[in-house]
Amino acid sequence: MSKLFKKLSSHKGESFAEILIAIVIVALGCVVIATLYTSAMSMNMHASQQDDKYYESLSQMEQMFDGTSNVTGNAVITETDSGTKLKVTIQIYGDDSNSAYRRP
């Protein structure tokens, strides 16, 4: 602890090498934070695209419901990037105010 007080009461300045090392450490920290931020934005954008695909397919399935119970039909889910199509047979049940679907 006395070394700390001695250092604080000293009138000597910091060396150029110490200042340069401190600047490099701060710069590396900034680069790491920028990289983390970029990665987080990329993951957020990908998750948002996946959500959009999910809600689009959900809307397609709900549009098949015409108000009667236990309607069986097919929903086609298309991947926009690759164009891959998936045909899913579903059973929709409920009424106009509340409906649900499941795979038979």
C-alpha atoms as a PDB file:
ATOM      1  CA  MET A   1       0.000   0.000   0.000  1.00  0.00           C
ATOM      2  CA  SER A   2       2.891   2.346   0.723  1.00  0.00           C
ATOM      3  CA  LYS A   3       4.156   1.818  -2.849  1.00  0.00           C
ATOM      4  CA  LEU A   4       0.845   3.126  -4.133  1.00  0.00           C
ATOM      5  CA  PHE A   5       1.060   6.279  -2.027  1.00  0.00           C
ATOM      6  CA  LYS A   6       4.665   6.725  -3.074  1.00  0.00           C
ATOM      7  CA  LYS A   7       3.659   6.427  -6.739  1.00  0.00           C
ATOM      8  CA  LEU A   8       0.783   8.888  -6.313  1.00  0.00           C
ATOM      9  CA  SER A   9       2.939  11.455  -4.548  1.00  0.00           C
ATOM     10  CA  SER A  10       5.751  11.127  -7.106  1.00  0.00           C
ATOM     11  CA  HIS A  11       6.237  13.930  -9.619  1.00  0.00           C
ATOM     12  CA  LYS A  12       7.660  11.601 -12.262  1.00  0.00           C
ATOM     13  CA  GLY A  13       5.624  11.090 -15.418  1.00  0.00           C
ATOM     14  CA  GLU A  14       4.651   7.913 -17.209  1.00  0.00           C
ATOM     15  CA  SER A  15       7.010   6.535 -19.795  1.00  0.00           C
ATOM     16  CA  PHE A  16       6.174   6.510 -23.489  1.00  0.00           C
ATOM     17  CA  ALA A  17       6.131   2.695 -23.493  1.00  0.00           C
ATOM     18  CA  GLU A  18       3.532   2.590 -20.685  1.00  0.00           C
ATOM     19  CA  ILE A  19       1.282   5.031 -22.498  1.00  0.00           C
ATOM     20  CA  LEU A  20       1.659   3.111 -25.753  1.00  0.00           C
ATOM     21  CA  ILE A  21       0.767  -0.191 -24.046  1.00  0.00           C
ATOM     22  CA  ALA A  22      -2.295   1.420 -22.441  1.00  0.00           C
ATOM     23  CA  ILE A  23      -3.462   2.739 -25.822  1.00  0.00           C
ATOM     24  CA  VAL A  24      -3.016  -0.709 -27.418  1.00  0.00           C
ATOM     25  CA  ILE A  25      -5.029  -2.356 -24.624  1.00  0.00           C
ATOM     26  CA  VAL A  26      -7.854   0.168 -25.018  1.00  0.00           C
ATOM     27  CA  ALA A  27      -7.814  -0.266 -28.809  1.00  0.00           C
ATOM     28  CA  LEU A  28      -8.024  -4.059 -28.487  1.00  0.00           C
ATOM     29  CA  GLY A  29     -10.939  -3.677 -26.093  1.00  0.00           C
ATOM     30  CA  CYS A  30     -12.739  -1.452 -28.593  1.00  0.00           C
ATOM     31  CA  VAL A  31     -12.157  -3.963 -31.393  1.00  0.00           C
ATOM     32  CA  VAL A  32     -13.569  -6.787 -29.255  1.00  0.00           C
ATOM     33  CA  ILE A  33     -16.658  -4.743 -28.366  1.00  0.00           C
ATOM     34  CA  ALA A  34     -17.215  -3.792 -32.024  1.00  0.00           C
ATOM     35  CA  THR A  35     -16.901  -7.441 -33.074  1.00  0.00           C
ATOM     36  CA  LEU A  36     -19.382  -8.546 -30.417  1.00  0.00           C
ATOM     37  CA  TYR A  37     -21.806  -5.826 -31.471  1.00  0.00           C
ATOM     38  CA  THR A  38     -21.581  -6.842 -35.134  1.00  0.00           C
ATOM     39  CA  SER A  39     -22.136 -10.500 -34.277  1.00  0.00           C
ATOM     40  CA  ALA A  40     -25.138  -9.650 -32.114  1.00  0.00           C
ATOM     41  CA  MET A  41     -26.689  -7.580 -34.902  1.00  0.00           C
ATOM     42  CA  SER A  42     -26.158 -10.419 -37.375  1.00  0.00           C
ATOM     43  CA  MET A  43     -27.759 -12.973 -35.049  1.00  0.00           C
ATOM     44  CA  ASN A  44     -30.655 -10.606 -34.365  1.00  0.00           C
ATOM     45  CA  MET A  45     -31.274 -10.129 -38.091  1.00  0.00           C
ATOM     46  CA  HIS A  46     -31.205 -13.894 -38.689  1.00  0.00           C
ATOM     47  CA  ALA A  47     -33.659 -14.482 -35.819  1.00  0.00           C
ATOM     48  CA  SER A  48     -35.950 -11.792 -37.216  1.00  0.00           C
ATOM     49  CA  GLN A  49     -35.941 -13.478 -40.633  1.00  0.00           C
ATOM     50  CA  GLN A  50     -36.747 -16.825 -39.020  1.00  0.00           C
ATOM     51  CA  ASP A  51     -39.641 -15.205 -37.126  1.00  0.00           C
ATOM     52  CA  ASP A  52     -40.978 -13.720 -40.358  1.00  0.00           C
ATOM     53  CA  LYS A  53     -40.893 -17.156 -42.032  1.00  0.00           C
ATOM     54  CA  TYR A  54     -42.664 -18.727 -39.060  1.00  0.00           C
ATOM     55  CA  TYR A  55     -45.464 -16.152 -38.989  1.00  0.00           C
ATOM     56  CA  GLU A  56     -45.869 -16.323 -42.760  1.00  0.00           C
ATOM     57  CA  SER A  57     -46.392 -20.088 -42.609  1.00  0.00           C
ATOM     58  CA  LEU A  58     -48.676 -19.672 -39.597  1.00  0.00           C
ATOM     59  CA  SER A  59     -50.796 -17.188 -41.553  1.00  0.00           C
ATOM     60  CA  GLN A  60     -51.009 -19.601 -44.495  1.00  0.00           C
ATOM     61  CA  MET A  61     -52.274 -22.321 -42.206  1.00  0.00           C
ATOM     62  CA  GLU A  62     -54.826 -20.075 -40.511  1.00  0.00           C
ATOM     63  CA  GLN A  63     -56.195 -18.860 -43.859  1.00  0.00           C
ATOM     64  CA  MET A  64     -57.225 -22.441 -44.639  1.00  0.00           C
ATOM     65  CA  PHE A  65     -59.720 -22.379 -41.740  1.00  0.00           C
ATOM     66  CA  ASP A  66     -63.223 -21.606 -43.025  1.00  0.00           C
ATOM     67  CA  GLY A  67     -65.171 -21.731 -39.737  1.00  0.00           C
ATOM     68  CA  THR A  68     -65.982 -25.422 -39.660  1.00  0.00           C
ATOM     69  CA  SER A  69     -64.406 -27.850 -37.240  1.00  0.00           C
ATOM     70  CA  ASN A  70     -61.756 -30.414 -38.056  1.00  0.00           C
ATOM     71  CA  VAL A  71     -60.746 -29.217 -41.508  1.00  0.00           C
ATOM     72  CA  THR A  72     -57.833 -31.191 -42.942  1.00  0.00           C
ATOM     73  CA  GLY A  73     -55.622 -29.579 -45.521  1.00  0.00           C
ATOM     74  CA  ASN A  74     -52.084 -28.993 -46.679  1.00  0.00           C
ATOM     75  CA  ALA A  75     -49.840 -26.044 -45.975  1.00  0.00           C
ATOM     76  CA  VAL A  76     -46.834 -25.399 -48.180  1.00  0.00           C
ATOM     77  CA  ILE A  77     -43.856 -23.761 -46.477  1.00  0.00           C
ATOM     78  CA  THR A  78     -41.281 -22.268 -48.859  1.00  0.00           C
ATOM     79  CA  GLU A  79     -37.743 -21.312 -47.843  1.00  0.00           C
ATOM     80  CA  THR A  80     -37.102 -17.962 -49.529  1.00  0.00           C
ATOM     81  CA  ASP A  81     -33.312 -18.347 -49.741  1.00  0.00           C
ATOM     82  CA  SER A  82     -33.114 -21.814 -51.285  1.00  0.00           C
ATOM     83  CA  GLY A  83     -36.634 -22.177 -52.680  1.00  0.00           C
ATOM     84  CA  THR A  84     -37.092 -25.472 -50.828  1.00  0.00           C
ATOM     85  CA  LYS A  85     -40.762 -26.347 -50.337  1.00  0.00           C
ATOM     86  CA  LEU A  86     -42.208 -28.438 -47.528  1.00  0.00           C
ATOM     87  CA  LYS A  87     -45.765 -29.720 -47.718  1.00  0.00           C
ATOM     88  CA  VAL A  88     -47.342 -30.337 -44.303  1.00  0.00           C
ATOM     89  CA  THR A  89     -50.743 -31.954 -43.732  1.00  0.00           C
ATOM     90  CA  ILE A  90     -52.549 -30.244 -40.866  1.00  0.00           C
ATOM     91  CA  GLN A  91     -55.900 -30.442 -39.100  1.00  0.00           C
ATOM     92  CA  ILE A  92     -57.499 -27.137 -38.154  1.00  0.00           C
ATOM     93  CA  TYR A  93     -60.157 -26.982 -35.495  1.00  0.00           C
ATOM     94  CA  GLY A  94     -62.004 -24.349 -33.495  1.00  0.00           C
ATOM     95  CA  ASP A  95     -64.311 -21.505 -34.432  1.00  0.00           C
ATOM     96  CA  ASP A  96     -63.973 -18.034 -35.944  1.00  0.00           C
ATOM     97  CA  SER A  97     -62.850 -16.446 -32.680  1.00  0.00           C
ATOM     98  CA  ASN A  98     -60.279 -19.079 -31.709  1.00  0.00           C
ATOM     99  CA  SER A  99     -58.646 -21.696 -33.909  1.00  0.00           C
ATOM    100  CA  ALA A 100     -55.677 -24.014 -33.681  1.00  0.00           C
ATOM    101  CA  TYR A 101     -53.981 -26.601 -35.854  1.00  0.00           C
ATOM    102  CA  ARG A 102     -52.019 -29.793 -35.415  1.00  0.00           C
ATOM    103  CA  ARG A 103     -50.540 -32.531 -37.485  1.00  0.00           C
ATOM    104  CA  PRO A 104     -52.974 -35.468 -37.724  1.00  0.00           C
END
